[in-house]
PDB file of N, CA and C in Angstrom:
ATOM      1  N   UNK A   1     190.933  58.764  58.498  1.00  0.00           N
ATOM      2  CA  UNK A   1     191.278  58.416  59.858  1.00  0.00           C
ATOM      3  C   UNK A   1     191.859  57.009  59.925  1.00  0.00           C
ATOM      4  N   UNK A   2     191.234  56.066  59.253  1.00  0.00           N
ATOM      5  CA  UNK A   2     191.691  54.686  59.287  1.00  0.00           C
ATOM      6  C   UNK A   2     193.070  54.541  58.635  1.00  0.00           C
ATOM      7  N   UNK A   3     193.323  55.283  57.587  1.00  0.00           N
ATOM      8  CA  UNK A   3     194.612  55.221  56.906  1.00  0.00           C
ATOM      9  C   UNK A   3     195.707  55.713  57.846  1.00  0.00           C
ATOM     10  N   UNK A   4     195.428  56.725  58.652  1.00  0.00           N
ATOM     11  CA  UNK A   4     196.413  57.234  59.595  1.00  0.00           C
ATOM     12  C   UNK A   4     196.745  56.190  60.656  1.00  0.00           C
ATOM     13  N   UNK A   5     195.765  55.416  61.111  1.00  0.00           N
ATOM     14  CA  UNK A   5     196.014  54.385  62.113  1.00  0.00           C
ATOM     15  C   UNK A   5     196.887  53.273  61.550  1.00  0.00           C
ATOM     16  N   UNK A   6     196.633  52.892  60.302  1.00  0.00           N
ATOM     17  CA  UNK A   6     197.446  51.847  59.687  1.00  0.00           C
ATOM     18  C   UNK A   6     198.871  52.345  59.506  1.00  0.00           C
ATOM     19  N   UNK A   7     199.027  53.578  59.052  1.00  0.00           N
ATOM     20  CA  UNK A   7     200.360  54.146  58.874  1.00  0.00           C
ATOM     21  C   UNK A   7     201.113  54.251  60.185  1.00  0.00           C
ATOM     22  N   UNK A   8     200.411  54.677  61.224  1.00  0.00           N
ATOM     23  CA  UNK A   8     201.032  54.779  62.545  1.00  0.00           C
ATOM     24  C   UNK A   8     201.447  53.405  63.061  1.00  0.00           C
ATOM     25  N   UNK A   9     200.602  52.411  62.858  1.00  0.00           N
ATOM     26  CA  UNK A   9     200.941  51.065  63.336  1.00  0.00           C
ATOM     27  C   UNK A   9     202.145  50.506  62.591  1.00  0.00           C
ATOM     28  N   UNK A  10     202.253  50.793  61.281  1.00  0.00           N
ATOM     29  CA  UNK A  10     203.420  50.340  60.519  1.00  0.00           C
ATOM     30  C   UNK A  10     204.673  51.035  61.030  1.00  0.00           C
ATOM     31  N   UNK A  11     204.579  52.316  61.325  1.00  0.00           N
ATOM     32  CA  UNK A  11     205.737  53.044  61.854  1.00  0.00           C
ATOM     33  C   UNK A  11     206.172  52.467  63.206  1.00  0.00           C
ATOM     34  N   UNK A  12     205.196  52.184  64.071  1.00  0.00           N
ATOM     35  CA  UNK A  12     205.547  51.611  65.370  1.00  0.00           C
ATOM     36  C   UNK A  12     206.142  50.214  65.227  1.00  0.00           C
ATOM     37  N   UNK A  13     205.626  49.441  64.274  1.00  0.00           N
ATOM     38  CA  UNK A  13     206.170  48.106  64.046  1.00  0.00           C
ATOM     39  C   UNK A  13     207.617  48.193  63.588  1.00  0.00           C
ATOM     40  N   UNK A  14     207.893  49.070  62.644  1.00  0.00           N
ATOM     41  CA  UNK A  14     209.256  49.223  62.139  1.00  0.00           C
ATOM     42  C   UNK A  14     210.168  49.747  63.244  1.00  0.00           C
ATOM     43  N   UNK A  15     209.693  50.706  64.015  1.00  0.00           N
ATOM     44  CA  UNK A  15     210.483  51.235  65.123  1.00  0.00           C
ATOM     45  C   UNK A  15     210.793  50.141  66.141  1.00  0.00           C
ATOM     46  N   UNK A  16     209.801  49.346  66.506  1.00  0.00           N
ATOM     47  CA  UNK A  16     209.999  48.269  67.475  1.00  0.00           C
ATOM     48  C   UNK A  16     210.963  47.213  66.974  1.00  0.00           C
ATOM     49  N   UNK A  17     210.821  46.821  65.712  1.00  0.00           N
ATOM     50  CA  UNK A  17     211.717  45.813  65.156  1.00  0.00           C
ATOM     51  C   UNK A  17     213.139  46.345  65.064  1.00  0.00           C
ATOM     52  N   UNK A  18     213.290  47.624  64.761  1.00  0.00           N
ATOM     53  CA  UNK A  18     214.623  48.227  64.690  1.00  0.00           C
ATOM     54  C   UNK A  18     215.267  48.261  66.071  1.00  0.00           C
ATOM     55  N   UNK A  19     214.495  48.619  67.068  1.00  0.00           N
ATOM     56  CA  UNK A  19     215.033  48.658  68.431  1.00  0.00           C
ATOM     57  C   UNK A  19     215.480  47.266  68.864  1.00  0.00           C
ATOM     58  N   UNK A  20     214.676  46.257  68.589  1.00  0.00           N
ATOM     59  CA  UNK A  20     215.044  44.886  68.956  1.00  0.00           C
ATOM     60  C   UNK A  20     216.292  44.449  68.204  1.00  0.00           C
ATOM     61  N   UNK A  21     216.377  44.734  66.916  1.00  0.00           N
ATOM     62  CA  UNK A  21     217.537  44.353  66.119  1.00  0.00           C
ATOM     63  C   UNK A  21     218.798  45.025  66.646  1.00  0.00           C
ATOM     64  N   UNK A  22     218.723  46.316  66.923  1.00  0.00           N
ATOM     65  CA  UNK A  22     219.892  47.036  67.440  1.00  0.00           C
ATOM     66  C   UNK A  22     220.293  46.479  68.804  1.00  0.00           C
ATOM     67  N   UNK A  23     219.322  46.213  69.666  1.00  0.00           N
ATOM     68  CA  UNK A  23     219.629  45.651  70.980  1.00  0.00           C
ATOM     69  C   UNK A  23     220.335  44.303  70.846  1.00  0.00           C
ATOM     70  N   UNK A  24     219.824  43.434  69.992  1.00  0.00           N
ATOM     71  CA  UNK A  24     220.446  42.123  69.827  1.00  0.00           C
ATOM     72  C   UNK A  24     221.846  42.243  69.228  1.00  0.00           C
ATOM     73  N   UNK A  25     222.038  43.160  68.289  1.00  0.00           N
ATOM     74  CA  UNK A  25     223.356  43.365  67.686  1.00  0.00           C
ATOM     75  C   UNK A  25     224.353  43.828  68.749  1.00  0.00           C
ATOM     76  N   UNK A  26     223.942  44.792  69.571  1.00  0.00           N
ATOM     77  CA  UNK A  26     224.826  45.286  70.631  1.00  0.00           C
ATOM     78  C   UNK A  26     225.108  44.173  71.632  1.00  0.00           C
ATOM     79  N   UNK A  27     224.116  43.382  71.965  1.00  0.00           N
ATOM     80  CA  UNK A  27     224.301  42.278  72.899  1.00  0.00           C
ATOM     81  C   UNK A  27     225.325  41.278  72.380  1.00  0.00           C
ATOM     82  N   UNK A  28     225.233  40.914  71.103  1.00  0.00           N
ATOM     83  CA  UNK A  28     226.181  39.965  70.518  1.00  0.00           C
ATOM     84  C   UNK A  28     227.593  40.541  70.526  1.00  0.00           C
ATOM     85  N   UNK A  29     227.718  41.818  70.186  1.00  0.00           N
ATOM     86  CA  UNK A  29     229.047  42.432  70.181  1.00  0.00           C
ATOM     87  C   UNK A  29     229.634  42.489  71.590  1.00  0.00           C
ATOM     88  N   UNK A  30     228.825  42.786  72.585  1.00  0.00           N
ATOM     89  CA  UNK A  30     229.311  42.803  73.962  1.00  0.00           C
ATOM     90  C   UNK A  30     229.723  41.414  74.437  1.00  0.00           C
ATOM     91  N   UNK A  31     228.970  40.405  74.016  1.00  0.00           N
ATOM     92  CA  UNK A  31     229.333  39.030  74.390  1.00  0.00           C
ATOM     93  C   UNK A  31     230.659  38.630  73.749  1.00  0.00           C
ATOM     94  N   UNK A  32     230.878  39.028  72.498  1.00  0.00           N
ATOM     95  CA  UNK A  32     232.156  38.743  71.837  1.00  0.00           C
ATOM     96  C   UNK A  32     233.299  39.454  72.551  1.00  0.00           C
ATOM     97  N   UNK A  33     233.073  40.715  72.928  1.00  0.00           N
ATOM     98  CA  UNK A  33     234.092  41.466  73.650  1.00  0.00           C
ATOM     99  C   UNK A  33     234.394  40.812  74.993  1.00  0.00           C
ATOM    100  N   UNK A  34     233.351  40.377  75.683  1.00  0.00           N
ATOM    101  CA  UNK A  34     233.541  39.719  76.969  1.00  0.00           C
ATOM    102  C   UNK A  34     234.335  38.424  76.800  1.00  0.00           C
ATOM    103  N   UNK A  35     234.012  37.641  75.781  1.00  0.00           N
ATOM    104  CA  UNK A  35     234.738  36.396  75.543  1.00  0.00           C
ATOM    105  C   UNK A  35     236.206  36.687  75.234  1.00  0.00           C
ATOM    106  N   UNK A  36     236.461  37.730  74.466  1.00  0.00           N
ATOM    107  CA  UNK A  36     237.838  38.098  74.136  1.00  0.00           C
ATOM    108  C   UNK A  36     238.601  38.504  75.398  1.00  0.00           C
ATOM    109  N   UNK A  37     237.977  39.354  76.225  1.00  0.00           N
ATOM    110  CA  UNK A  37     238.659  39.824  77.429  1.00  0.00           C
ATOM    111  C   UNK A  37     238.908  38.697  78.425  1.00  0.00           C
ATOM    112  N   UNK A  38     237.938  37.830  78.592  1.00  0.00           N
ATOM    113  CA  UNK A  38     238.115  36.702  79.511  1.00  0.00           C
ATOM    114  C   UNK A  38     239.214  35.780  78.996  1.00  0.00           C
ATOM    115  N   UNK A  39     239.222  35.522  77.695  1.00  0.00           N
ATOM    116  CA  UNK A  39     240.266  34.676  77.123  1.00  0.00           C
ATOM    117  C   UNK A  39     241.647  35.296  77.234  1.00  0.00           C
ATOM    118  N   UNK A  40     241.713  36.621  77.168  1.00  0.00           N
ATOM    119  CA  UNK A  40     243.003  37.306  77.227  1.00  0.00           C
ATOM    120  C   UNK A  40     243.547  37.359  78.654  1.00  0.00           C
ATOM    121  N   UNK A  41     242.696  37.721  79.619  1.00  0.00           N
ATOM    122  CA  UNK A  41     243.167  37.912  80.980  1.00  0.00           C
ATOM    123  C   UNK A  41     243.027  36.681  81.875  1.00  0.00           C
ATOM    124  N   UNK A  42     242.210  35.742  81.502  1.00  0.00           N
ATOM    125  CA  UNK A  42     242.036  34.514  82.281  1.00  0.00           C
ATOM    126  C   UNK A  42     242.115  33.308  81.349  1.00  0.00           C
ATOM    127  N   UNK A  43     243.297  33.015  80.802  1.00  0.00           N
ATOM    128  CA  UNK A  43     243.389  31.890  79.857  1.00  0.00           C
ATOM    129  C   UNK A  43     243.182  30.559  80.575  1.00  0.00           C
ATOM    130  N   UNK A  44     242.717  29.587  79.828  1.00  0.00           N
ATOM    131  CA  UNK A  44     242.520  28.244  80.376  1.00  0.00           C
ATOM    132  C   UNK A  44     243.880  27.633  80.701  1.00  0.00           C
ATOM    133  N   UNK A  45     244.008  27.027  81.871  1.00  0.00           N
ATOM    134  CA  UNK A  45     245.266  26.334  82.166  1.00  0.00           C
ATOM    135  C   UNK A  45     245.370  25.104  81.270  1.00  0.00           C
ATOM    136  N   UNK A  46     246.583  24.796  80.898  1.00  0.00           N
ATOM    137  CA  UNK A  46     246.769  23.618  80.044  1.00  0.00           C
ATOM    138  C   UNK A  46     246.511  22.385  80.889  1.00  0.00           C
ATOM    139  N   UNK A  47     245.493  21.675  80.544  1.00  0.00           N
ATOM    140  CA  UNK A  47     245.098  20.481  81.291  1.00  0.00           C
ATOM    141  C   UNK A  47     245.893  19.286  80.796  1.00  0.00           C
ATOM    142  N   UNK A  48     246.211  18.411  81.722  1.00  0.00           N
ATOM    143  CA  UNK A  48     246.897  17.182  81.356  1.00  0.00           C
ATOM    144  C   UNK A  48     245.922  16.304  80.587  1.00  0.00           C
ATOM    145  N   UNK A  49     246.409  15.564  79.618  1.00  0.00           N
ATOM    146  CA  UNK A  49     245.486  14.699  78.868  1.00  0.00           C
ATOM    147  C   UNK A  49     244.825  13.688  79.791  1.00  0.00           C
ATOM    148  N   UNK A  50     243.558  13.476  79.566  1.00  0.00           N
ATOM    149  CA  UNK A  50     242.791  12.548  80.398  1.00  0.00           C
ATOM    150  C   UNK A  50     243.323  11.135  80.213  1.00  0.00           C
ATOM    151  N   UNK A  51     243.448  10.417  81.308  1.00  0.00           N
ATOM    152  CA  UNK A  51     243.936   9.045  81.170  1.00  0.00           C
ATOM    153  C   UNK A  51     242.925   8.204  80.393  1.00  0.00           C
ATOM    154  N   UNK A  52     243.436   7.397  79.514  1.00  0.00           N
ATOM    155  CA  UNK A  52     242.545   6.553  78.722  1.00  0.00           C
ATOM    156  C   UNK A  52     242.014   5.414  79.596  1.00  0.00           C
ATOM    157  N   UNK A  53     240.886   4.903  79.199  1.00  0.00           N
ATOM    158  CA  UNK A  53     240.270   3.804  79.947  1.00  0.00           C
ATOM    159  C   UNK A  53     241.179   2.583  79.875  1.00  0.00           C
ATOM    160  N   UNK A  54     241.291   1.870  80.973  1.00  0.00           N
ATOM    161  CA  UNK A  54     242.153   0.683  80.936  1.00  0.00           C
ATOM    162  C   UNK A  54     241.590  -0.346  79.960  1.00  0.00           C
ATOM    163  N   UNK A  55     242.483  -0.964  79.245  1.00  0.00           N
ATOM    164  CA  UNK A  55     242.073  -1.960  78.263  1.00  0.00           C
ATOM    165  C   UNK A  55     241.618  -3.232  78.979  1.00  0.00           C
ATOM    166  N   UNK A  56     240.474  -3.747  78.560  1.00  0.00           N
ATOM    167  CA  UNK A  56     239.961  -4.984  79.141  1.00  0.00           C
ATOM    168  C   UNK A  56     240.814  -6.141  78.634  1.00  0.00           C
ATOM    169  N   UNK A  57     241.201  -7.017  79.523  1.00  0.00           N
ATOM    170  CA  UNK A  57     241.980  -8.179  79.078  1.00  0.00           C
ATOM    171  C   UNK A  57     241.174  -9.034  78.112  1.00  0.00           C
ATOM    172  N   UNK A  58     241.879  -9.774  77.312  1.00  0.00           N
ATOM    173  CA  UNK A  58     241.238 -10.626  76.314  1.00  0.00           C
ATOM    174  C   UNK A  58     240.334 -11.665  76.983  1.00  0.00           C
ATOM    175  N   UNK A  59     240.707 -12.088  78.192  1.00  0.00           N
ATOM    176  CA  UNK A  59     239.908 -13.096  78.901  1.00  0.00           C
ATOM    177  C   UNK A  59     238.524 -12.549  79.235  1.00  0.00           C
ATOM    178  N   UNK A  60     238.445 -11.286  79.658  1.00  0.00           N
ATOM    179  CA  UNK A  60     237.145 -10.678  79.952  1.00  0.00           C
ATOM    180  C   UNK A  60     236.284 -10.594  78.698  1.00  0.00           C
ATOM    181  N   UNK A  61     236.914 -10.273  77.586  1.00  0.00           N
ATOM    182  CA  UNK A  61     236.180 -10.175  76.321  1.00  0.00           C
ATOM    183  C   UNK A  61     235.640 -11.547  75.913  1.00  0.00           C
ATOM    184  N   UNK A  62     236.440 -12.577  76.107  1.00  0.00           N
ATOM    185  CA  UNK A  62     235.979 -13.931  75.769  1.00  0.00           C
ATOM    186  C   UNK A  62     234.800 -14.342  76.654  1.00  0.00           C
ATOM    187  N   UNK A  63     234.869 -14.007  77.932  1.00  0.00           N
ATOM    188  CA  UNK A  63     233.760 -14.337  78.834  1.00  0.00           C
ATOM    189  C   UNK A  63     232.490 -13.596  78.428  1.00  0.00           C
ATOM    190  N   UNK A  64     232.642 -12.346  78.025  1.00  0.00           N
ATOM    191  CA  UNK A  64     231.484 -11.551  77.624  1.00  0.00           C
ATOM    192  C   UNK A  64     230.831 -12.148  76.381  1.00  0.00           C
ATOM    193  N   UNK A  65     231.642 -12.541  75.398  1.00  0.00           N
ATOM    194  CA  UNK A  65     231.118 -13.140  74.173  1.00  0.00           C
ATOM    195  C   UNK A  65     230.430 -14.463  74.493  1.00  0.00           C
ATOM    196  N   UNK A  66     231.034 -15.263  75.364  1.00  0.00           N
ATOM    197  CA  UNK A  66     230.432 -16.547  75.739  1.00  0.00           C
ATOM    198  C   UNK A  66     229.084 -16.331  76.433  1.00  0.00           C
ATOM    199  N   UNK A  67     228.984 -15.309  77.290  1.00  0.00           N
ATOM    200  CA  UNK A  67     227.724 -15.038  77.979  1.00  0.00           C
ATOM    201  C   UNK A  67     226.651 -14.603  76.986  1.00  0.00           C
ATOM    202  N   UNK A  68     227.020 -13.816  76.005  1.00  0.00           N
ATOM    203  CA  UNK A  68     226.046 -13.392  74.994  1.00  0.00           C
ATOM    204  C   UNK A  68     225.562 -14.575  74.182  1.00  0.00           C
ATOM    205  N   UNK A  69     226.486 -15.426  73.768  1.00  0.00           N
ATOM    206  CA  UNK A  69     226.113 -16.615  72.986  1.00  0.00           C
ATOM    207  C   UNK A  69     225.195 -17.521  73.802  1.00  0.00           C
ATOM    208  N   UNK A  70     225.498 -17.707  75.079  1.00  0.00           N
ATOM    209  CA  UNK A  70     224.663 -18.559  75.927  1.00  0.00           C
ATOM    210  C   UNK A  70     223.271 -17.945  76.093  1.00  0.00           C
ATOM    211  N   UNK A  71     223.205 -16.645  76.242  1.00  0.00           N
ATOM    212  CA  UNK A  71     221.912 -15.990  76.415  1.00  0.00           C
ATOM    213  C   UNK A  71     221.066 -16.124  75.151  1.00  0.00           C
ATOM    214  N   UNK A  72     221.678 -15.954  73.981  1.00  0.00           N
ATOM    215  CA  UNK A  72     220.940 -16.096  72.726  1.00  0.00           C
ATOM    216  C   UNK A  72     220.467 -17.536  72.550  1.00  0.00           C
ATOM    217  N   UNK A  73     221.328 -18.495  72.875  1.00  0.00           N
ATOM    218  CA  UNK A  73     220.947 -19.908  72.745  1.00  0.00           C
ATOM    219  C   UNK A  73     219.784 -20.232  73.687  1.00  0.00           C
ATOM    220  N   UNK A  74     219.825 -19.740  74.902  1.00  0.00           N
ATOM    221  CA  UNK A  74     218.748 -19.993  75.861  1.00  0.00           C
ATOM    222  C   UNK A  74     217.443 -19.348  75.392  1.00  0.00           C
ATOM    223  N   UNK A  75     217.541 -18.150  74.854  1.00  0.00           N
ATOM    224  CA  UNK A  75     216.366 -17.461  74.345  1.00  0.00           C
ATOM    225  C   UNK A  75     215.736 -18.254  73.199  1.00  0.00           C
ATOM    226  N   UNK A  76     216.579 -18.721  72.294  1.00  0.00           N
ATOM    227  CA  UNK A  76     216.046 -19.509  71.162  1.00  0.00           C
ATOM    228  C   UNK A  76     215.429 -20.819  71.652  1.00  0.00           C
ATOM    229  N   UNK A  77     216.023 -21.421  72.679  1.00  0.00           N
ATOM    230  CA  UNK A  77     215.490 -22.683  73.195  1.00  0.00           C
ATOM    231  C   UNK A  77     214.106 -22.447  73.815  1.00  0.00           C
ATOM    232  N   UNK A  78     213.947 -21.384  74.583  1.00  0.00           N
ATOM    233  CA  UNK A  78     212.655 -21.113  75.204  1.00  0.00           C
ATOM    234  C   UNK A  78     211.630 -20.677  74.182  1.00  0.00           C
ATOM    235  N   UNK A  79     212.065 -19.978  73.141  1.00  0.00           N
ATOM    236  CA  UNK A  79     211.152 -19.549  72.063  1.00  0.00           C
ATOM    237  C   UNK A  79     210.610 -20.752  71.298  1.00  0.00           C
ATOM    238  N   UNK A  80     211.505 -21.708  70.984  1.00  0.00           N
ATOM    239  CA  UNK A  80     211.077 -22.867  70.189  1.00  0.00           C
ATOM    240  C   UNK A  80     210.191 -23.802  71.010  1.00  0.00           C
ATOM    241  N   UNK A  81     210.424 -23.884  72.325  1.00  0.00           N
ATOM    242  CA  UNK A  81     209.597 -24.771  73.148  1.00  0.00           C
ATOM    243  C   UNK A  81     208.216 -24.173  73.399  1.00  0.00           C
ATOM    244  N   UNK A  82     208.085 -22.839  73.366  1.00  0.00           N
ATOM    245  CA  UNK A  82     206.779 -22.227  73.602  1.00  0.00           C
ATOM    246  C   UNK A  82     205.906 -22.262  72.345  1.00  0.00           C
ATOM    247  N   UNK A  83     206.505 -22.466  71.170  1.00  0.00           N
ATOM    248  CA  UNK A  83     205.728 -22.531  69.919  1.00  0.00           C
ATOM    249  C   UNK A  83     204.904 -23.829  69.858  1.00  0.00           C
ATOM    250  N   UNK A  84     205.429 -24.902  70.310  1.00  0.00           N
ATOM    251  CA  UNK A  84     204.810 -26.213  70.152  1.00  0.00           C
ATOM    252  C   UNK A  84     203.808 -26.512  71.146  1.00  0.00           C
TER     253      UNK A  84
END
């Protein structure tokens, strides 16, 4: 009796896994077909290239570097004064 239950459970497991595998295979194939049909009948319009970001003038870059240097110098000054 116990051997029959184990055999039946193995059969049901194999049947269930086969059904899931077949379902997933069919699902993937349908998704590929859908992508093909959508691409064929509704193609993407050719989009104009996105405008590039405006280049920052050299003066802005110099100000940014100066602000970073000043911030680092101030940080080091406060760090050294708090040690003593």
